[in-house]
Amino acid sequence: QVQLVESGGGLVQAGGSLRLSCAASRRTFYDVGWFRQAPGKEREFVAAINFGGGTRYADSVKGRFSISRDNAKNTVYLQMNTLKPEDTAVYYCGARTGSTTADTPSMYSYWGQGTQVTVSS
């Protein structure tokens, strides 16, 4: 019954920006992460944030994406700047109740339905 809902995806030109939101139905999550999956590829880690605001980023997005968390609103944001065509994917929000240093999909217990991000060249 735990629910995560992503929003904010869409079509954007290369170099543009989007902000994704992940709204959670509970407030006990410690880590919330963003993953993405392109057709024919595995779901890959993008960014994560813990309850205290500590962040982690994949090398491919470091310096371009920024994750933040509003605990009062049970919402995590992913600000995506300087978007590239290779960022095109379905972006998923995942959450876990415990802390982790491993950011693989199997480490996250709850998932949203995904939101499509398409970056045109």
N, C-alpha and C. Protein backbone atom coordinates (compact mmCIF):
# COMPACT_ATOMS: atom_id res chain seq x y z
N GLN A 1 0.81 -1.22 0.00
CA GLN A 1 0.00 0.00 0.00
C GLN A 1 0.84 1.27 0.00
N VAL A 2 2.14 1.13 0.20
CA VAL A 2 3.03 2.28 0.10
C VAL A 2 3.06 2.74 -1.34
N GLN A 3 2.97 4.03 -1.54
CA GLN A 3 2.87 4.57 -2.88
C GLN A 3 3.85 5.71 -3.09
N LEU A 4 4.51 5.68 -4.23
CA LEU A 4 5.34 6.78 -4.69
C LEU A 4 4.80 7.23 -6.04
N VAL A 5 4.72 8.52 -6.23
CA VAL A 5 4.18 9.07 -7.46
C VAL A 5 5.17 10.06 -8.04
N GLU A 6 5.65 9.77 -9.24
CA GLU A 6 6.56 10.68 -9.93
C GLU A 6 5.77 11.62 -10.84
N SER A 7 6.33 12.79 -11.04
CA SER A 7 5.75 13.74 -11.97
C SER A 7 6.86 14.64 -12.49
N GLY A 8 6.57 15.36 -13.55
CA GLY A 8 7.49 16.35 -14.07
C GLY A 8 8.21 15.97 -15.34
N GLY A 9 8.04 14.75 -15.80
CA GLY A 9 8.68 14.34 -17.03
C GLY A 9 8.07 15.02 -18.23
N GLY A 10 8.75 14.89 -19.35
CA GLY A 10 8.25 15.49 -20.57
C GLY A 10 9.31 15.51 -21.64
N LEU A 11 9.05 16.30 -22.66
CA LEU A 11 9.97 16.46 -23.79
C LEU A 11 10.69 17.79 -23.67
N VAL A 12 12.00 17.74 -23.81
CA VAL A 12 12.81 18.94 -23.69
C VAL A 12 13.95 18.87 -24.70
N GLN A 13 14.39 20.01 -25.15
CA GLN A 13 15.53 20.06 -26.06
C GLN A 13 16.83 19.88 -25.30
N ALA A 14 17.83 19.37 -26.00
CA ALA A 14 19.15 19.24 -25.41
C ALA A 14 19.61 20.58 -24.85
N GLY A 15 20.17 20.53 -23.66
CA GLY A 15 20.60 21.73 -22.97
C GLY A 15 19.55 22.33 -22.06
N GLY A 16 18.33 21.83 -22.14
CA GLY A 16 17.25 22.32 -21.32
C GLY A 16 17.21 21.67 -19.96
N SER A 17 16.16 21.98 -19.23
CA SER A 17 16.01 21.52 -17.85
C SER A 17 14.62 20.98 -17.59
N LEU A 18 14.55 20.07 -16.65
CA LEU A 18 13.30 19.57 -16.12
C LEU A 18 13.47 19.35 -14.63
N ARG A 19 12.37 19.43 -13.91
CA ARG A 19 12.37 19.08 -12.50
C ARG A 19 11.38 17.96 -12.25
N LEU A 20 11.88 16.85 -11.76
CA LEU A 20 11.04 15.72 -11.42
C LEU A 20 10.69 15.77 -9.93
N SER A 21 9.51 15.30 -9.62
CA SER A 21 9.07 15.23 -8.24
C SER A 21 8.66 13.81 -7.90
N CYS A 22 8.91 13.42 -6.68
CA CYS A 22 8.50 12.12 -6.17
C CYS A 22 7.79 12.35 -4.85
N ALA A 23 6.49 12.12 -4.84
CA ALA A 23 5.69 12.29 -3.64
C ALA A 23 5.44 10.93 -3.01
N ALA A 24 5.73 10.82 -1.73
CA ALA A 24 5.62 9.57 -1.01
C ALA A 24 4.43 9.58 -0.07
N SER A 25 3.88 8.40 0.15
CA SER A 25 2.71 8.27 1.01
C SER A 25 3.06 8.07 2.48
N ARG A 26 4.33 7.95 2.80
CA ARG A 26 4.75 7.76 4.18
C ARG A 26 6.02 8.54 4.44
N ARG A 27 6.31 8.75 5.71
CA ARG A 27 7.42 9.61 6.11
C ARG A 27 8.55 8.87 6.79
N THR A 28 8.58 7.57 6.67
CA THR A 28 9.60 6.78 7.33
C THR A 28 10.75 6.37 6.43
N PHE A 29 10.75 6.85 5.20
CA PHE A 29 11.85 6.53 4.30
C PHE A 29 13.13 7.21 4.74
N TYR A 30 14.24 6.50 4.61
CA TYR A 30 15.54 7.08 4.88
C TYR A 30 16.22 7.53 3.59
N ASP A 31 16.35 6.62 2.65
CA ASP A 31 16.91 6.93 1.34
C ASP A 31 15.82 6.97 0.28
N VAL A 32 15.86 7.97 -0.54
CA VAL A 32 15.03 8.03 -1.73
C VAL A 32 15.95 8.23 -2.92
N GLY A 33 15.75 7.44 -3.94
CA GLY A 33 16.62 7.50 -5.10
C GLY A 33 15.87 7.63 -6.39
N TRP A 34 16.57 8.14 -7.37
CA TRP A 34 16.07 8.18 -8.73
C TRP A 34 16.89 7.22 -9.59
N PHE A 35 16.18 6.42 -10.35
CA PHE A 35 16.77 5.51 -11.31
C PHE A 35 16.16 5.78 -12.67
N ARG A 36 16.84 5.34 -13.71
CA ARG A 36 16.29 5.51 -15.05
C ARG A 36 16.53 4.25 -15.86
N GLN A 37 15.65 4.05 -16.82
CA GLN A 37 15.75 2.88 -17.67
C GLN A 37 15.39 3.24 -19.10
N ALA A 38 16.33 3.05 -19.99
CA ALA A 38 16.11 3.26 -21.41
C ALA A 38 15.74 1.93 -22.05
N PRO A 39 15.08 1.96 -23.20
CA PRO A 39 14.71 0.71 -23.86
C PRO A 39 15.90 -0.20 -24.10
N GLY A 40 15.76 -1.46 -23.73
CA GLY A 40 16.81 -2.43 -23.93
C GLY A 40 17.96 -2.35 -22.95
N LYS A 41 17.87 -1.50 -21.96
CA LYS A 41 18.94 -1.34 -21.00
C LYS A 41 18.44 -1.62 -19.59
N GLU A 42 19.37 -1.90 -18.70
CA GLU A 42 19.03 -2.14 -17.31
C GLU A 42 18.69 -0.83 -16.61
N ARG A 43 17.92 -0.95 -15.55
CA ARG A 43 17.63 0.22 -14.74
C ARG A 43 18.91 0.64 -14.02
N GLU A 44 19.26 1.92 -14.13
CA GLU A 44 20.51 2.40 -13.58
C GLU A 44 20.27 3.53 -12.58
N PHE A 45 21.18 3.60 -11.64
CA PHE A 45 21.12 4.60 -10.59
C PHE A 45 21.41 5.98 -11.15
N VAL A 46 20.69 6.98 -10.67
CA VAL A 46 20.90 8.36 -11.07
C VAL A 46 21.35 9.20 -9.88
N ALA A 47 20.55 9.21 -8.81
CA ALA A 47 20.85 10.04 -7.65
C ALA A 47 20.06 9.53 -6.47
N ALA A 48 20.53 9.83 -5.27
CA ALA A 48 19.83 9.45 -4.06
C ALA A 48 20.07 10.48 -2.98
N ILE A 49 19.15 10.53 -2.03
CA ILE A 49 19.26 11.44 -0.91
C ILE A 49 18.76 10.74 0.34
N ASN A 50 19.43 10.96 1.46
CA ASN A 50 18.98 10.37 2.70
C ASN A 50 18.19 11.38 3.53
N PHE A 51 17.71 10.93 4.68
CA PHE A 51 16.83 11.77 5.49
C PHE A 51 17.52 13.06 5.91
N GLY A 52 18.82 12.99 6.17
CA GLY A 52 19.55 14.17 6.61
C GLY A 52 20.00 15.08 5.49
N GLY A 53 19.73 14.71 4.25
CA GLY A 53 20.08 15.55 3.13
C GLY A 53 21.35 15.17 2.41
N GLY A 54 22.03 14.11 2.85
CA GLY A 54 23.20 13.65 2.15
C GLY A 54 22.84 13.11 0.78
N THR A 55 23.65 13.39 -0.21
CA THR A 55 23.33 13.04 -1.58
C THR A 55 24.40 12.18 -2.22
N ARG A 56 23.99 11.43 -3.22
CA ARG A 56 24.89 10.63 -4.03
C ARG A 56 24.44 10.74 -5.48
N TYR A 57 25.40 10.73 -6.40
CA TYR A 57 25.10 10.89 -7.81
C TYR A 57 25.88 9.90 -8.64
N ALA A 58 25.26 9.46 -9.71
CA ALA A 58 25.99 8.72 -10.72
C ALA A 58 26.96 9.65 -11.43
N ASP A 59 28.09 9.10 -11.85
CA ASP A 59 29.08 9.92 -12.53
C ASP A 59 28.52 10.59 -13.78
N SER A 60 27.59 9.94 -14.44
CA SER A 60 27.06 10.44 -15.69
C SER A 60 26.22 11.70 -15.53
N VAL A 61 25.74 11.97 -14.32
CA VAL A 61 24.89 13.13 -14.10
C VAL A 61 25.47 14.12 -13.11
N LYS A 62 26.57 13.78 -12.50
CA LYS A 62 27.17 14.65 -11.49
C LYS A 62 27.52 16.00 -12.09
N GLY A 63 27.11 17.05 -11.41
CA GLY A 63 27.33 18.40 -11.90
C GLY A 63 26.21 18.94 -12.74
N ARG A 64 25.32 18.07 -13.21
CA ARG A 64 24.18 18.50 -14.01
C ARG A 64 22.85 18.33 -13.28
N PHE A 65 22.75 17.27 -12.50
CA PHE A 65 21.51 16.98 -11.77
C PHE A 65 21.71 17.29 -10.30
N SER A 66 20.63 17.66 -9.65
CA SER A 66 20.66 17.94 -8.23
C SER A 66 19.41 17.36 -7.57
N ILE A 67 19.62 16.57 -6.53
CA ILE A 67 18.51 15.98 -5.80
C ILE A 67 18.32 16.71 -4.49
N SER A 68 17.08 16.91 -4.11
CA SER A 68 16.76 17.58 -2.86
C SER A 68 15.54 16.92 -2.24
N ARG A 69 15.32 17.21 -0.97
CA ARG A 69 14.24 16.55 -0.24
C ARG A 69 13.55 17.53 0.67
N ASP A 70 12.23 17.54 0.61
CA ASP A 70 11.41 18.32 1.51
C ASP A 70 10.68 17.33 2.40
N ASN A 71 11.23 17.08 3.57
CA ASN A 71 10.66 16.06 4.45
C ASN A 71 9.25 16.43 4.92
N ALA A 72 8.99 17.71 5.10
CA ALA A 72 7.67 18.14 5.55
C ALA A 72 6.60 17.82 4.52
N LYS A 73 6.98 17.79 3.25
CA LYS A 73 6.04 17.51 2.18
C LYS A 73 6.14 16.08 1.66
N ASN A 74 7.03 15.29 2.25
CA ASN A 74 7.26 13.91 1.81
C ASN A 74 7.56 13.86 0.31
N THR A 75 8.35 14.79 -0.14
CA THR A 75 8.62 14.92 -1.57
C THR A 75 10.11 15.06 -1.82
N VAL A 76 10.58 14.35 -2.84
CA VAL A 76 11.95 14.45 -3.30
C VAL A 76 11.94 15.00 -4.72
N TYR A 77 12.88 15.87 -5.01
CA TYR A 77 12.96 16.49 -6.31
C TYR A 77 14.27 16.12 -7.00
N LEU A 78 14.22 16.06 -8.30
CA LEU A 78 15.42 15.89 -9.11
C LEU A 78 15.44 17.02 -10.13
N GLN A 79 16.31 17.97 -9.91
CA GLN A 79 16.50 19.05 -10.87
C GLN A 79 17.50 18.60 -11.90
N MET A 80 17.08 18.57 -13.14
CA MET A 80 17.88 18.06 -14.24
C MET A 80 18.22 19.21 -15.17
N ASN A 81 19.48 19.58 -15.19
CA ASN A 81 19.95 20.67 -16.04
C ASN A 81 20.89 20.15 -17.11
N THR A 82 21.09 20.97 -18.13
CA THR A 82 21.98 20.62 -19.23
C THR A 82 21.69 19.21 -19.73
N LEU A 83 20.44 18.96 -20.00
CA LEU A 83 20.02 17.63 -20.41
C LEU A 83 20.61 17.26 -21.76
N LYS A 84 20.92 15.98 -21.89
CA LYS A 84 21.50 15.42 -23.10
C LYS A 84 20.59 14.33 -23.65
N PRO A 85 20.68 14.05 -24.95
CA PRO A 85 19.84 12.98 -25.50
C PRO A 85 20.03 11.65 -24.77
N GLU A 86 21.22 11.37 -24.28
CA GLU A 86 21.45 10.12 -23.58
C GLU A 86 20.78 10.06 -22.21
N ASP A 87 20.20 11.17 -21.76
CA ASP A 87 19.41 11.17 -20.54
C ASP A 87 18.00 10.66 -20.78
N THR A 88 17.63 10.45 -22.02
CA THR A 88 16.29 9.98 -22.35
C THR A 88 16.05 8.61 -21.73
N ALA A 89 14.99 8.50 -20.95
CA ALA A 89 14.66 7.26 -20.26
C ALA A 89 13.38 7.46 -19.48
N VAL A 90 12.86 6.37 -18.98
CA VAL A 90 11.82 6.44 -17.96
C VAL A 90 12.52 6.57 -16.61
N TYR A 91 12.14 7.57 -15.87
CA TYR A 91 12.75 7.83 -14.58
C TYR A 91 11.83 7.33 -13.47
N TYR A 92 12.40 6.56 -12.57
CA TYR A 92 11.66 5.95 -11.48
C TYR A 92 12.15 6.46 -10.14
N CYS A 93 11.25 6.68 -9.25
CA CYS A 93 11.55 7.02 -7.88
C CYS A 93 11.49 5.76 -7.03
N GLY A 94 12.52 5.52 -6.25
CA GLY A 94 12.56 4.39 -5.34
C GLY A 94 12.84 4.85 -3.92
N ALA A 95 12.42 4.05 -2.95
CA ALA A 95 12.61 4.42 -1.56
C ALA A 95 12.91 3.18 -0.73
N ARG A 96 13.61 3.40 0.37
CA ARG A 96 13.89 2.35 1.33
C ARG A 96 13.83 2.93 2.73
N THR A 97 13.56 2.09 3.70
CA THR A 97 13.41 2.57 5.07
C THR A 97 14.73 2.62 5.81
N GLY A 98 15.72 1.91 5.33
CA GLY A 98 17.03 1.92 5.95
C GLY A 98 18.05 2.63 5.08
N SER A 99 19.21 2.85 5.64
CA SER A 99 20.28 3.49 4.90
C SER A 99 21.05 2.45 4.10
N THR A 100 21.69 2.90 3.05
CA THR A 100 22.50 2.01 2.23
C THR A 100 23.58 2.82 1.53
N THR A 101 24.68 2.16 1.25
CA THR A 101 25.72 2.76 0.43
C THR A 101 25.75 2.16 -0.96
N ALA A 102 24.92 1.16 -1.18
CA ALA A 102 24.82 0.52 -2.48
C ALA A 102 23.55 1.00 -3.18
N ASP A 103 23.70 1.53 -4.35
CA ASP A 103 22.57 2.09 -5.08
C ASP A 103 22.26 1.24 -6.30
N THR A 104 21.74 0.08 -6.03
CA THR A 104 21.22 -0.80 -7.06
C THR A 104 19.72 -0.92 -6.87
N PRO A 105 18.97 -1.23 -7.93
CA PRO A 105 17.52 -1.33 -7.76
C PRO A 105 17.08 -2.28 -6.67
N SER A 106 17.83 -3.36 -6.45
CA SER A 106 17.44 -4.34 -5.45
C SER A 106 17.51 -3.80 -4.04
N MET A 107 18.20 -2.71 -3.82
CA MET A 107 18.32 -2.14 -2.49
C MET A 107 17.15 -1.23 -2.13
N TYR A 108 16.27 -0.99 -3.06
CA TYR A 108 15.12 -0.12 -2.83
C TYR A 108 13.84 -0.94 -2.82
N SER A 109 13.03 -0.71 -1.81
CA SER A 109 11.87 -1.55 -1.55
C SER A 109 10.60 -1.09 -2.26
N TYR A 110 10.48 0.19 -2.51
CA TYR A 110 9.25 0.75 -3.04
C TYR A 110 9.55 1.56 -4.28
N TRP A 111 8.62 1.53 -5.22
CA TRP A 111 8.83 2.18 -6.51
C TRP A 111 7.58 2.88 -6.99
N GLY A 112 7.79 3.98 -7.69
CA GLY A 112 6.71 4.63 -8.40
C GLY A 112 6.53 4.04 -9.78
N GLN A 113 5.61 4.61 -10.52
CA GLN A 113 5.26 4.07 -11.83
C GLN A 113 6.18 4.56 -12.95
N GLY A 114 6.96 5.56 -12.68
CA GLY A 114 7.88 6.11 -13.66
C GLY A 114 7.31 7.30 -14.41
N THR A 115 8.20 8.14 -14.86
CA THR A 115 7.82 9.28 -15.69
C THR A 115 8.81 9.39 -16.84
N GLN A 116 8.29 9.60 -18.03
CA GLN A 116 9.13 9.61 -19.22
C GLN A 116 9.83 10.95 -19.38
N VAL A 117 11.12 10.89 -19.60
CA VAL A 117 11.92 12.06 -19.95
C VAL A 117 12.51 11.82 -21.33
N THR A 118 12.23 12.71 -22.25
CA THR A 118 12.75 12.60 -23.60
C THR A 118 13.50 13.89 -23.93
N VAL A 119 14.75 13.74 -24.33
CA VAL A 119 15.59 14.88 -24.67
C VAL A 119 15.89 14.81 -26.15
N SER A 120 15.46 15.80 -26.87
CA SER A 120 15.68 15.84 -28.31
C SER A 120 17.00 16.52 -28.63
N SER A 121 17.57 16.14 -29.76
CA SER A 121 18.84 16.70 -30.19
C SER A 121 18.66 17.85 -31.15
